Amino acid sequence: MFNGNKPSLQAKTNADAVRSGENQISLLIIEDALIHSTIIGHIAEKVGFTTATARSYEDACEILSARQFDCITLDLGLGDHVGLDVLHYLHATRCRAQIIIISLSDKKVCDEMVQIGKALDLNIDSSVHKPLDLKALRETLEQIRIRAQLQKLTVSPL
């Protein structure tokens, strides 16, 4: 039954954007190990992300030059390059994605990378250690997805 109240244009626009996929939350997985990228991708998709994977520094740079992401998981060991190389690239491109460090390195190394990322003015504040703590990864991704969706809804154009 119509009660005389019309939905706001903003609410209608946001709902339409969600249905059309405009407000999809995206994740770039920068990981050279197939098993880890598959696990991260599976968990991310379960909590509502669309995902893309880069297996090397070069792949990451190519993908990031073509599109922006809401979130990035970054393995610190990428064959010929290290995560620090990617952090410098992200800084140079003024990336605003939420970044999660994923590494076999000990906690001290991960914490140092988080501090370097902050010093580079990157949106980074968490790390997950390998072997992957699947529950912690899922919880972190869920929190990021919720924040990203709220941000997209509040900045959607009329």
Protein backbone atom coordinates (compact mmCIF):
# COMPACT_ATOMS: atom_id res chain seq x y z
CA MET A 1 0.00 0.00 0.00
CA PHE A 2 1.34 3.44 -0.95
CA ASN A 3 1.81 5.66 2.10
CA GLY A 4 2.54 8.87 0.21
CA ASN A 5 6.27 8.87 1.04
CA LYS A 6 8.53 8.77 -1.98
CA PRO A 7 11.99 7.23 -1.65
CA SER A 8 14.74 9.81 -1.89
CA LEU A 9 16.50 10.20 -5.21
CA GLN A 10 19.80 9.37 -3.49
CA ALA A 11 18.45 6.09 -2.06
CA LYS A 12 17.00 5.16 -5.43
CA THR A 13 20.27 5.97 -7.18
CA ASN A 14 22.31 3.94 -4.68
CA ALA A 15 19.98 0.94 -4.96
CA ASP A 16 20.16 1.11 -8.75
CA ALA A 17 23.94 1.33 -8.58
CA VAL A 18 24.14 -1.74 -6.37
CA ARG A 19 21.86 -3.72 -8.70
CA SER A 20 23.84 -2.67 -11.76
CA GLY A 21 27.16 -3.60 -10.16
CA GLU A 22 28.49 -0.03 -9.99
CA ASN A 23 29.11 -0.44 -6.28
CA GLN A 24 30.95 -3.75 -6.60
CA ILE A 25 33.82 -3.92 -4.16
CA SER A 26 37.01 -4.98 -5.91
CA LEU A 27 40.14 -6.75 -4.70
CA LEU A 28 43.47 -7.13 -6.45
CA ILE A 29 45.40 -10.16 -5.17
CA ILE A 30 49.13 -9.66 -5.72
CA GLU A 31 50.46 -13.14 -5.05
CA ASP A 32 52.83 -15.38 -6.98
CA ALA A 33 51.77 -18.67 -5.34
CA LEU A 34 48.74 -20.16 -7.06
CA ILE A 35 47.44 -21.93 -3.96
CA HIS A 36 47.51 -18.74 -1.88
CA SER A 37 45.92 -16.57 -4.57
CA THR A 38 43.19 -19.18 -5.05
CA ILE A 39 42.43 -19.33 -1.32
CA ILE A 40 42.43 -15.54 -0.95
CA GLY A 41 40.22 -15.17 -4.01
CA HIS A 42 37.75 -17.78 -2.78
CA ILE A 43 37.41 -16.14 0.63
CA ALA A 44 37.13 -12.65 -0.88
CA GLU A 45 34.40 -13.71 -3.31
CA LYS A 46 32.48 -15.39 -0.47
CA VAL A 47 32.38 -12.08 1.42
CA GLY A 48 31.33 -10.07 -1.64
CA PHE A 49 34.42 -8.92 -3.53
CA THR A 50 35.09 -9.18 -7.23
CA THR A 51 38.69 -10.26 -7.66
CA ALA A 52 41.62 -9.99 -10.04
CA THR A 53 45.02 -11.59 -9.59
CA ALA A 54 48.52 -10.40 -10.41
CA ARG A 55 51.27 -13.04 -10.21
CA SER A 56 54.22 -10.64 -10.46
CA TYR A 57 55.27 -7.05 -9.95
CA GLU A 58 54.95 -6.43 -13.69
CA ASP A 59 51.42 -7.91 -13.77
CA ALA A 60 50.44 -5.78 -10.78
CA CYS A 61 51.71 -2.59 -12.42
CA GLU A 62 49.91 -3.39 -15.67
CA ILE A 63 46.61 -4.15 -13.94
CA LEU A 64 46.85 -1.14 -11.63
CA SER A 65 47.54 1.18 -14.57
CA ALA A 66 44.26 0.07 -16.14
CA ARG A 67 41.90 0.24 -13.16
CA GLN A 68 41.48 1.10 -9.50
CA PHE A 69 40.66 -1.32 -6.69
CA ASP A 70 39.03 -0.92 -3.31
CA CYS A 71 41.41 -3.36 -1.67
CA ILE A 72 44.75 -4.99 -2.44
CA THR A 73 46.35 -8.01 -0.81
CA LEU A 74 50.11 -7.85 -1.22
CA ASP A 75 52.51 -10.75 -0.86
CA LEU A 76 55.93 -9.46 0.17
CA GLY A 77 57.83 -12.01 -1.94
CA LEU A 78 57.20 -11.77 -5.68
CA GLY A 79 60.08 -13.52 -7.38
CA ASP A 80 62.36 -10.85 -8.85
CA HIS A 81 60.68 -8.09 -6.84
CA VAL A 82 59.58 -7.56 -3.28
CA GLY A 83 56.47 -6.04 -1.75
CA LEU A 84 58.37 -2.83 -1.09
CA ASP A 85 58.66 -2.32 -4.87
CA VAL A 86 54.88 -2.58 -5.13
CA LEU A 87 54.40 -0.17 -2.20
CA HIS A 88 56.59 2.40 -3.99
CA TYR A 89 54.57 1.93 -7.20
CA LEU A 90 51.29 2.34 -5.26
CA HIS A 91 52.64 5.53 -3.69
CA ALA A 92 53.75 6.88 -7.08
CA THR A 93 50.27 6.27 -8.52
CA ARG A 94 48.53 7.73 -5.44
CA CYS A 95 46.65 4.52 -4.81
CA ARG A 96 43.88 4.86 -2.19
CA ALA A 97 42.96 1.17 -1.92
CA GLN A 98 43.02 -0.51 1.47
CA ILE A 99 46.15 -2.68 1.49
CA ILE A 100 46.64 -5.92 3.41
CA ILE A 101 50.18 -7.29 3.68
CA ILE A 102 50.36 -11.08 3.37
CA SER A 103 53.68 -12.73 4.09
CA LEU A 104 55.70 -15.66 5.34
CA SER A 105 57.97 -13.13 7.03
CA ASP A 106 57.92 -12.76 10.77
CA LYS A 107 55.64 -10.26 12.49
CA LYS A 108 58.45 -7.70 12.85
CA VAL A 109 59.03 -7.57 9.08
CA CYS A 110 55.30 -7.28 8.38
CA ASP A 111 54.93 -4.51 10.97
CA GLU A 112 57.85 -2.66 9.37
CA MET A 113 56.19 -2.92 5.94
CA VAL A 114 52.95 -1.56 7.39
CA GLN A 115 54.91 1.39 8.86
CA ILE A 116 56.66 2.01 5.53
CA GLY A 117 53.28 1.95 3.79
CA LYS A 118 51.91 4.50 6.24
CA ALA A 119 54.99 6.68 5.74
CA LEU A 120 54.27 6.53 1.99
CA ASP A 121 50.73 7.77 2.76
CA LEU A 122 49.16 4.47 1.73
CA ASN A 123 45.95 3.12 3.24
CA ILE A 124 47.57 0.21 5.02
CA ASP A 125 47.14 -1.00 8.56
CA SER A 126 46.92 -4.76 8.64
CA SER A 127 48.84 -7.89 7.82
CA VAL A 128 48.05 -11.58 7.66
CA HIS A 129 50.77 -14.17 8.04
CA LYS A 130 51.32 -17.36 6.08
CA PRO A 131 50.27 -20.00 6.63
CA LEU A 132 47.08 -18.03 6.16
CA ASP A 133 44.82 -17.56 9.16
CA LEU A 134 41.63 -17.99 7.14
CA LYS A 135 39.35 -16.67 9.87
CA ALA A 136 41.45 -13.51 10.35
CA LEU A 137 41.63 -12.96 6.59
CA ARG A 138 37.87 -13.36 6.22
CA GLU A 139 37.16 -10.97 9.09
CA THR A 140 39.58 -8.37 7.72
CA LEU A 141 38.09 -8.60 4.23
CA GLU A 142 34.53 -8.35 5.60
CA GLN A 143 35.42 -5.18 7.52
CA ILE A 144 37.05 -3.64 4.46
CA ARG A 145 34.09 -4.58 2.24
CA ILE A 146 31.62 -2.97 4.64
CA ARG A 147 33.67 0.24 4.88
CA ALA A 148 34.13 0.39 1.10
CA GLN A 149 30.42 -0.14 0.44
CA LEU A 150 29.46 2.57 2.93
CA GLN A 151 31.95 4.95 1.37
CA LYS A 152 30.65 4.26 -2.14
CA LEU A 153 27.07 4.79 -1.01
CA THR A 154 27.88 8.10 0.65
CA VAL A 155 29.81 9.47 -2.33
CA SER A 156 27.54 8.19 -5.10
CA PRO A 157 26.45 10.98 -7.45
CA LEU A 158 22.78 11.93 -7.57
